[in-house]
């Protein structure tokens, strides 16, 4: 079996090379992202393996079908960059629903602690032998109220860490899991009552810009916002205005709405033409990391193993339990899931 692997990075290859060799799969790594301009590279392959910033729109899907590509293997959980609805009846799509919820949750906490305890600023100072503590005062997490939007596996891991710090936890989820024993409230309560808000939900038409001008106005003064999910959950312009107005005390962002043009690439020798991103990075109370929350050795190995297992299961059985489809109108509750392919 031959797989075209797009947006390949050096840290992707060890895990996938090992799994591919063990299962007689041939992988061709392409550094370029899959897009309308590069889809021709998929010709002659059985499937494509893509990541969060690859573009899988109608044009790309039609071309993949024209080239005889049988499946799209996402090596990530999110799929907002794939037109799943248009894929139905044409090409099968599989994803990795979980690889290391601990990795993402721990990164969210790491950014939070770095921000509120000014660790990044202290590091820079001491490198210059400046040991002054002026303007490095932070605040305790103990006793603070954190709002967690999305209580899936990552959200649950984040909640457990927060409870370990002695924080009060309020949760919102469109589909509350009452068996978890969490305190679920509506979004307005999250916005109004929480000192810290962390986003752990997928990007959909319903959740796009859930953090916007109106929601920020309802938040507590000095609120800290954390986003390790998808950039477009936040209206970036509204966030910047909230920071400038001193309403938002800090922002910890591992994702950015227009990240596909910049993240995973080195622009250190260039002028970044995205003025919004440049403004964010220039703000002293904003921490931006480039979609690295998932990046642990454990997660990379799990991603490779699950992706290859998805491919092998699809090839051997004709279906995959991790397939995404619109067969019954519910991507996460498909009637054929784990039983047969969706079409």
Protein backbone atom coordinates (compact mmCIF):
# COMPACT_ATOMS: atom_id res chain seq x y z
CA UNK A 1 0.00 0.00 0.00
CA UNK A 2 1.26 3.46 -0.92
CA UNK A 3 0.46 6.57 1.13
CA UNK A 4 1.12 10.21 0.22
CA UNK A 5 2.00 11.98 3.48
CA UNK A 6 1.49 15.76 3.32
CA UNK A 7 2.88 18.55 5.53
CA UNK A 8 5.55 16.16 6.81
CA UNK A 9 7.87 17.30 9.61
CA UNK A 10 11.02 15.62 10.98
CA UNK A 11 9.25 14.70 14.23
CA UNK A 12 6.50 12.87 12.29
CA UNK A 13 8.78 10.42 10.54
CA UNK A 14 10.28 8.14 13.24
CA UNK A 15 6.92 6.84 14.48
CA UNK A 16 5.40 6.48 11.02
CA UNK A 17 8.54 4.87 9.58
CA UNK A 18 8.49 2.24 12.32
CA UNK A 19 4.77 1.48 11.91
CA UNK A 20 5.00 1.47 8.12
CA UNK A 21 7.94 -0.94 8.08
CA UNK A 22 6.18 -3.31 10.47
CA UNK A 23 3.08 -3.38 8.25
CA UNK A 24 4.55 -3.26 4.72
CA UNK A 25 3.24 0.23 3.96
CA UNK A 26 5.19 2.58 1.71
CA UNK A 27 5.03 6.25 2.71
CA UNK A 28 6.13 9.13 0.50
CA UNK A 29 6.70 12.24 2.61
CA UNK A 30 5.87 15.64 1.12
CA UNK A 31 6.86 18.76 3.04
CA UNK A 32 4.21 20.80 1.25
CA UNK A 33 0.64 20.96 2.53
CA UNK A 34 -2.17 19.35 0.58
CA UNK A 35 -4.06 22.02 -1.34
CA UNK A 36 -5.54 22.75 -4.74
CA UNK A 37 -2.03 23.51 -5.99
CA UNK A 38 -0.42 20.29 -4.69
CA UNK A 39 -3.18 17.68 -4.97
CA UNK A 40 -1.60 16.37 -8.17
CA UNK A 41 1.15 14.85 -5.98
CA UNK A 42 -1.44 12.35 -4.71
CA UNK A 43 -1.72 10.66 -8.11
CA UNK A 44 -0.78 6.98 -7.97
CA UNK A 45 -1.29 6.58 -4.21
CA UNK A 46 -3.88 4.49 -2.39
CA UNK A 47 -4.47 7.10 0.28
CA UNK A 48 -3.35 10.46 1.64
CA UNK A 49 -2.32 11.28 5.20
CA UNK A 50 -3.05 14.88 6.20
CA UNK A 51 -2.82 17.20 9.22
CA UNK A 52 -4.70 20.19 10.62
CA UNK A 53 -3.58 22.80 8.08
CA UNK A 54 -3.97 20.75 4.92
CA UNK A 55 -6.84 21.96 2.76
CA UNK A 56 -9.33 19.26 1.77
CA UNK A 57 -12.09 21.17 -0.01
CA UNK A 58 -14.42 20.16 -2.84
CA UNK A 59 -11.83 20.70 -5.55
CA UNK A 60 -9.21 18.63 -3.71
CA UNK A 61 -11.73 15.88 -2.96
CA UNK A 62 -12.79 15.64 -6.61
CA UNK A 63 -9.16 15.44 -7.70
CA UNK A 64 -8.36 12.73 -5.16
CA UNK A 65 -11.27 10.69 -6.45
CA UNK A 66 -10.15 11.28 -10.02
CA UNK A 67 -6.70 9.93 -9.12
CA UNK A 68 -8.21 6.81 -7.55
CA UNK A 69 -7.30 7.71 -3.95
CA UNK A 70 -9.46 5.54 -1.70
CA UNK A 71 -9.20 7.27 1.66
CA UNK A 72 -8.07 10.32 3.62
CA UNK A 73 -6.26 9.45 6.85
CA UNK A 74 -6.21 12.39 9.24
CA UNK A 75 -3.39 12.14 11.77
CA UNK A 76 -5.27 14.38 14.19
CA UNK A 77 -8.60 14.52 15.99
CA UNK A 78 -10.05 17.70 14.46
CA UNK A 79 -11.47 17.71 10.94
CA UNK A 80 -12.75 21.25 10.35
CA UNK A 81 -10.27 21.56 7.44
CA UNK A 82 -12.01 18.70 5.60
CA UNK A 83 -15.36 19.07 3.83
CA UNK A 84 -16.73 15.90 5.42
CA UNK A 85 -20.19 16.38 3.98
CA UNK A 86 -18.85 16.59 0.42
CA UNK A 87 -16.70 13.50 1.04
CA UNK A 88 -19.78 11.36 1.65
CA UNK A 89 -20.34 8.94 -1.22
CA UNK A 90 -16.96 9.81 -2.75
CA UNK A 91 -14.05 9.10 -0.44
CA UNK A 92 -13.66 7.67 3.07
CA UNK A 93 -12.21 9.80 5.87
CA UNK A 94 -10.64 8.52 9.08
CA UNK A 95 -9.20 10.40 12.06
CA UNK A 96 -7.34 9.82 15.32
CA UNK A 97 -9.95 10.60 18.00
CA UNK A 98 -7.46 10.53 20.87
CA UNK A 99 -3.68 10.32 21.09
CA UNK A 100 -2.66 11.97 24.36
CA UNK A 101 -5.20 14.14 26.14
CA UNK A 102 -2.58 14.57 28.86
CA UNK A 103 -0.21 16.28 26.42
CA UNK A 104 -2.70 18.99 25.47
CA UNK A 105 -4.06 19.48 28.98
CA UNK A 106 -0.57 19.73 30.48
CA UNK A 107 0.47 22.26 27.82
CA UNK A 108 -2.57 24.40 28.64
CA UNK A 109 -1.57 24.40 32.30
CA UNK A 110 2.06 25.10 31.40
CA UNK A 111 1.05 28.19 29.44
CA UNK A 112 -1.24 29.31 32.25
CA UNK A 113 1.48 29.02 34.89
CA UNK A 114 4.05 30.64 32.64
CA UNK A 115 1.73 33.58 32.05
CA UNK A 116 0.45 34.29 35.53
CA UNK A 117 3.81 33.75 37.26
CA UNK A 118 5.71 35.70 34.57
CA UNK A 119 8.14 32.81 34.10
CA UNK A 120 8.94 33.75 30.50
CA UNK A 121 9.88 37.28 31.58
CA UNK A 122 11.93 36.07 34.55
CA UNK A 123 13.86 33.72 32.25
CA UNK A 124 14.80 36.58 29.92
CA UNK A 125 15.83 38.80 32.84
CA UNK A 126 18.07 36.28 34.53
CA UNK A 127 19.79 35.48 31.24
CA UNK A 128 20.92 39.14 31.39
CA UNK A 129 21.82 38.76 35.09
CA UNK A 130 18.88 40.98 36.04
CA UNK A 131 17.52 39.51 39.26
CA UNK A 132 14.99 42.24 40.03
CA UNK A 133 11.49 41.05 40.96
CA UNK A 134 9.78 44.27 39.96
CA UNK A 135 6.56 43.68 37.96
CA UNK A 136 6.85 39.90 38.25
CA UNK A 137 4.06 39.47 40.79
CA UNK A 138 1.42 36.92 39.82
CA UNK A 139 -1.51 35.26 41.59
CA UNK A 140 -2.37 31.92 43.17
CA UNK A 141 -4.38 29.38 41.21
CA UNK A 142 -5.68 27.91 44.48
CA UNK A 143 -9.23 29.09 45.12
CA UNK A 144 -9.71 30.60 41.66
CA UNK A 145 -12.65 29.60 39.45
CA UNK A 146 -11.84 28.07 36.08
CA UNK A 147 -14.39 27.61 33.31
CA UNK A 148 -13.81 24.60 31.08
CA UNK A 149 -15.62 24.64 27.73
CA UNK A 150 -15.74 21.06 26.47
CA UNK A 151 -15.49 18.05 28.77
CA UNK A 152 -14.14 15.40 26.44
CA UNK A 153 -10.95 13.52 27.22
CA UNK A 154 -8.71 16.59 27.05
CA UNK A 155 -11.14 18.70 29.04
CA UNK A 156 -11.36 16.00 31.71
CA UNK A 157 -7.57 15.83 32.04
CA UNK A 158 -7.41 19.61 32.34
CA UNK A 159 -10.12 19.55 35.01
CA UNK A 160 -8.25 16.95 37.06
CA UNK A 161 -5.11 19.08 37.03
CA UNK A 162 -7.08 22.18 38.04
CA UNK A 163 -8.65 20.31 40.94
CA UNK A 164 -5.17 19.30 42.04
CA UNK A 165 -4.34 22.99 42.32
CA UNK A 166 -7.39 23.51 44.51
CA UNK A 167 -9.37 25.42 41.90
CA UNK A 168 -13.15 25.63 41.61
CA UNK A 169 -14.29 24.18 38.29
CA UNK A 170 -17.36 25.15 36.25
CA UNK A 171 -18.05 23.32 33.00
CA UNK A 172 -19.99 23.82 29.80
CA UNK A 173 -20.63 21.18 27.17
CA UNK A 174 -23.35 20.93 24.55
CA UNK A 175 -23.71 17.30 25.60
CA UNK A 176 -23.03 17.18 29.37
CA UNK A 177 -21.67 13.92 30.76
CA UNK A 178 -23.50 13.70 34.06
CA UNK A 179 -21.58 10.56 35.04
CA UNK A 180 -18.44 12.67 35.55
CA UNK A 181 -19.89 14.44 38.59
CA UNK A 182 -18.97 17.88 37.24
CA UNK A 183 -20.80 21.15 37.80
CA UNK A 184 -22.30 22.07 34.43
CA UNK A 185 -23.52 25.61 33.81
CA UNK A 186 -24.46 27.66 30.76
CA UNK A 187 -21.95 29.70 28.78
CA UNK A 188 -23.14 32.99 30.25
CA UNK A 189 -22.26 31.71 33.72
CA UNK A 190 -18.82 30.64 32.47
CA UNK A 191 -18.22 34.10 31.07
CA UNK A 192 -19.48 35.96 34.12
CA UNK A 193 -18.11 33.88 37.00
CA UNK A 194 -14.72 32.53 35.93
CA UNK A 195 -11.25 33.95 36.56
CA UNK A 196 -9.82 31.63 33.89
CA UNK A 197 -11.54 30.18 30.80
CA UNK A 198 -10.03 27.26 28.87
CA UNK A 199 -11.40 26.04 25.54
CA UNK A 200 -11.42 22.29 24.80
CA UNK A 201 -14.18 21.97 22.21
CA UNK A 202 -14.24 21.35 18.43
CA UNK A 203 -14.66 24.10 15.86
CA UNK A 204 -18.13 24.02 14.30
CA UNK A 205 -20.48 26.61 12.83
CA UNK A 206 -22.00 26.85 16.30
CA UNK A 207 -18.75 27.34 18.22
CA UNK A 208 -16.99 29.68 15.78
CA UNK A 209 -16.18 32.98 17.54
CA UNK A 210 -17.74 31.81 20.79
CA UNK A 211 -15.25 34.23 22.37
CA UNK A 212 -16.26 37.54 20.82
CA UNK A 213 -16.85 41.18 21.70
CA UNK A 214 -20.13 40.49 23.52
CA UNK A 215 -18.85 37.49 25.50
CA UNK A 216 -15.67 39.35 26.51
CA UNK A 217 -17.74 42.25 27.79
CA UNK A 218 -19.55 39.83 30.12
CA UNK A 219 -16.30 38.40 31.53
CA UNK A 220 -14.63 39.33 34.79
CA UNK A 221 -12.00 42.05 34.60
CA UNK A 222 -8.58 40.42 34.30
CA UNK A 223 -9.85 37.10 32.96
CA UNK A 224 -7.25 34.70 31.54
CA UNK A 225 -8.25 32.95 28.30
CA UNK A 226 -6.60 29.70 27.19
CA UNK A 227 -7.10 28.13 23.77
CA UNK A 228 -5.49 24.83 22.79
CA UNK A 229 -8.32 23.71 20.48
CA UNK A 230 -8.94 25.71 17.28
CA UNK A 231 -8.06 29.31 16.53
CA UNK A 232 -11.44 30.36 15.16
CA UNK A 233 -13.13 29.69 18.50
CA UNK A 234 -11.90 33.21 19.29
CA UNK A 235 -12.54 36.41 17.35
CA UNK A 236 -8.94 37.62 17.42
CA UNK A 237 -9.78 41.27 16.78
CA UNK A 238 -12.22 41.22 19.70
CA UNK A 239 -9.59 39.56 21.89
CA UNK A 240 -7.05 42.26 21.07
CA UNK A 241 -9.56 44.97 21.90
CA UNK A 242 -10.36 43.20 25.16
CA UNK A 243 -6.66 43.11 26.06
CA UNK A 244 -6.18 46.77 25.16
CA UNK A 245 -9.20 47.70 27.31
CA UNK A 246 -7.61 45.79 30.26
CA UNK A 247 -10.66 43.52 30.35
CA UNK A 248 -8.64 40.44 29.39
CA UNK A 249 -5.73 40.05 31.77
CA UNK A 250 -3.85 37.47 29.73
CA UNK A 251 -4.23 35.13 26.76
CA UNK A 252 -2.51 31.77 26.27
CA UNK A 253 -2.89 30.68 22.66
CA UNK A 254 -1.58 27.49 21.10
CA UNK A 255 -3.77 28.03 18.04
CA UNK A 256 -4.57 31.00 15.80
CA UNK A 257 -7.33 31.58 13.30
CA UNK A 258 -4.96 32.17 10.36
CA UNK A 259 -2.27 29.77 11.55
CA UNK A 260 -2.12 27.72 8.36
CA UNK A 261 -0.04 30.47 6.72
CA UNK A 262 2.55 30.55 9.49
CA UNK A 263 2.53 27.74 12.05
CA UNK A 264 4.96 24.83 11.66
CA UNK A 265 7.34 27.03 9.62
CA UNK A 266 10.37 29.19 10.44
CA UNK A 267 9.84 32.90 9.73
CA UNK A 268 12.63 34.14 12.00
CA UNK A 269 14.49 35.68 9.06
CA UNK A 270 11.43 37.25 7.48
CA UNK A 271 8.91 40.01 8.09
CA UNK A 272 5.59 38.46 9.11
CA UNK A 273 2.90 40.21 7.09
CA UNK A 274 0.03 39.22 9.39
CA UNK A 275 -0.45 42.41 11.43
CA UNK A 276 -2.92 40.74 13.78
CA UNK A 277 -0.52 37.95 14.71
CA UNK A 278 2.30 40.46 15.10
CA UNK A 279 0.17 42.54 17.50
CA UNK A 280 -0.68 39.48 19.57
CA UNK A 281 2.95 38.41 19.91
CA UNK A 282 4.02 41.95 20.81
CA UNK A 283 1.65 42.12 23.78
CA UNK A 284 3.37 41.40 27.11
CA UNK A 285 0.42 39.44 28.52
CA UNK A 286 -0.02 37.13 25.51
CA UNK A 287 1.77 33.81 25.08
CA UNK A 288 1.61 32.21 21.63
CA UNK A 289 2.88 28.71 20.88
CA UNK A 290 2.62 27.24 17.40
CA UNK A 291 0.11 24.41 17.80
CA UNK A 292 2.57 22.36 19.84
CA UNK A 293 0.27 21.26 22.69
CA UNK A 294 0.05 17.74 21.27
CA UNK A 295 3.79 17.45 20.66
CA UNK A 296 5.07 14.79 23.05
CA UNK A 297 6.84 11.55 22.20
CA UNK A 298 3.91 9.58 23.58
CA UNK A 299 1.40 11.47 21.46
CA UNK A 300 3.47 11.20 18.28
CA UNK A 301 3.80 7.44 18.70
CA UNK A 302 0.07 7.07 19.42
CA UNK A 303 -0.81 9.16 16.36
CA UNK A 304 1.37 7.02 14.10
CA UNK A 305 0.08 3.75 15.52
CA UNK A 306 -3.60 4.72 15.34
CA UNK A 307 -3.31 6.21 11.85
CA UNK A 308 -1.63 3.08 10.49
CA UNK A 309 -4.14 0.87 12.33
CA UNK A 310 -6.97 2.88 10.75
CA UNK A 311 -5.49 2.33 7.29
CA UNK A 312 -4.93 -1.40 7.82
CA UNK A 313 -8.41 -1.93 9.26
CA UNK A 314 -9.98 -0.12 6.34
CA UNK A 315 -7.94 -2.16 3.85
CA UNK A 316 -8.61 -5.52 5.52
CA UNK A 317 -12.23 -5.11 6.63
CA UNK A 318 -13.50 -2.45 4.25
CA UNK A 319 -14.42 -0.13 7.11
CA UNK A 320 -12.81 1.60 10.08
CA UNK A 321 -14.29 2.42 13.51
CA UNK A 322 -12.66 5.86 13.33
CA UNK A 323 -14.34 6.81 10.06
CA UNK A 324 -16.08 10.20 9.82
CA UNK A 325 -19.21 10.57 7.76
CA UNK A 326 -22.67 12.07 7.31
CA UNK A 327 -24.40 8.73 6.76
CA UNK A 328 -26.98 9.42 9.46
CA UNK A 329 -26.41 13.14 9.91
CA UNK A 330 -24.43 12.70 13.12
CA UNK A 331 -20.67 12.48 12.70
CA UNK A 332 -20.03 11.43 16.30
CA UNK A 333 -23.00 9.06 16.57
CA UNK A 334 -23.05 7.29 13.22
CA UNK A 335 -25.27 4.19 13.04
CA UNK A 336 -22.63 2.31 11.04
CA UNK A 337 -19.69 3.27 13.26
CA UNK A 338 -17.63 0.18 14.07
CA UNK A 339 -19.97 -2.06 12.06
CA UNK A 340 -19.51 -1.18 8.41
CA UNK A 341 -18.25 1.58 6.17
CA UNK A 342 -20.46 4.64 5.93
CA UNK A 343 -21.26 4.19 2.22
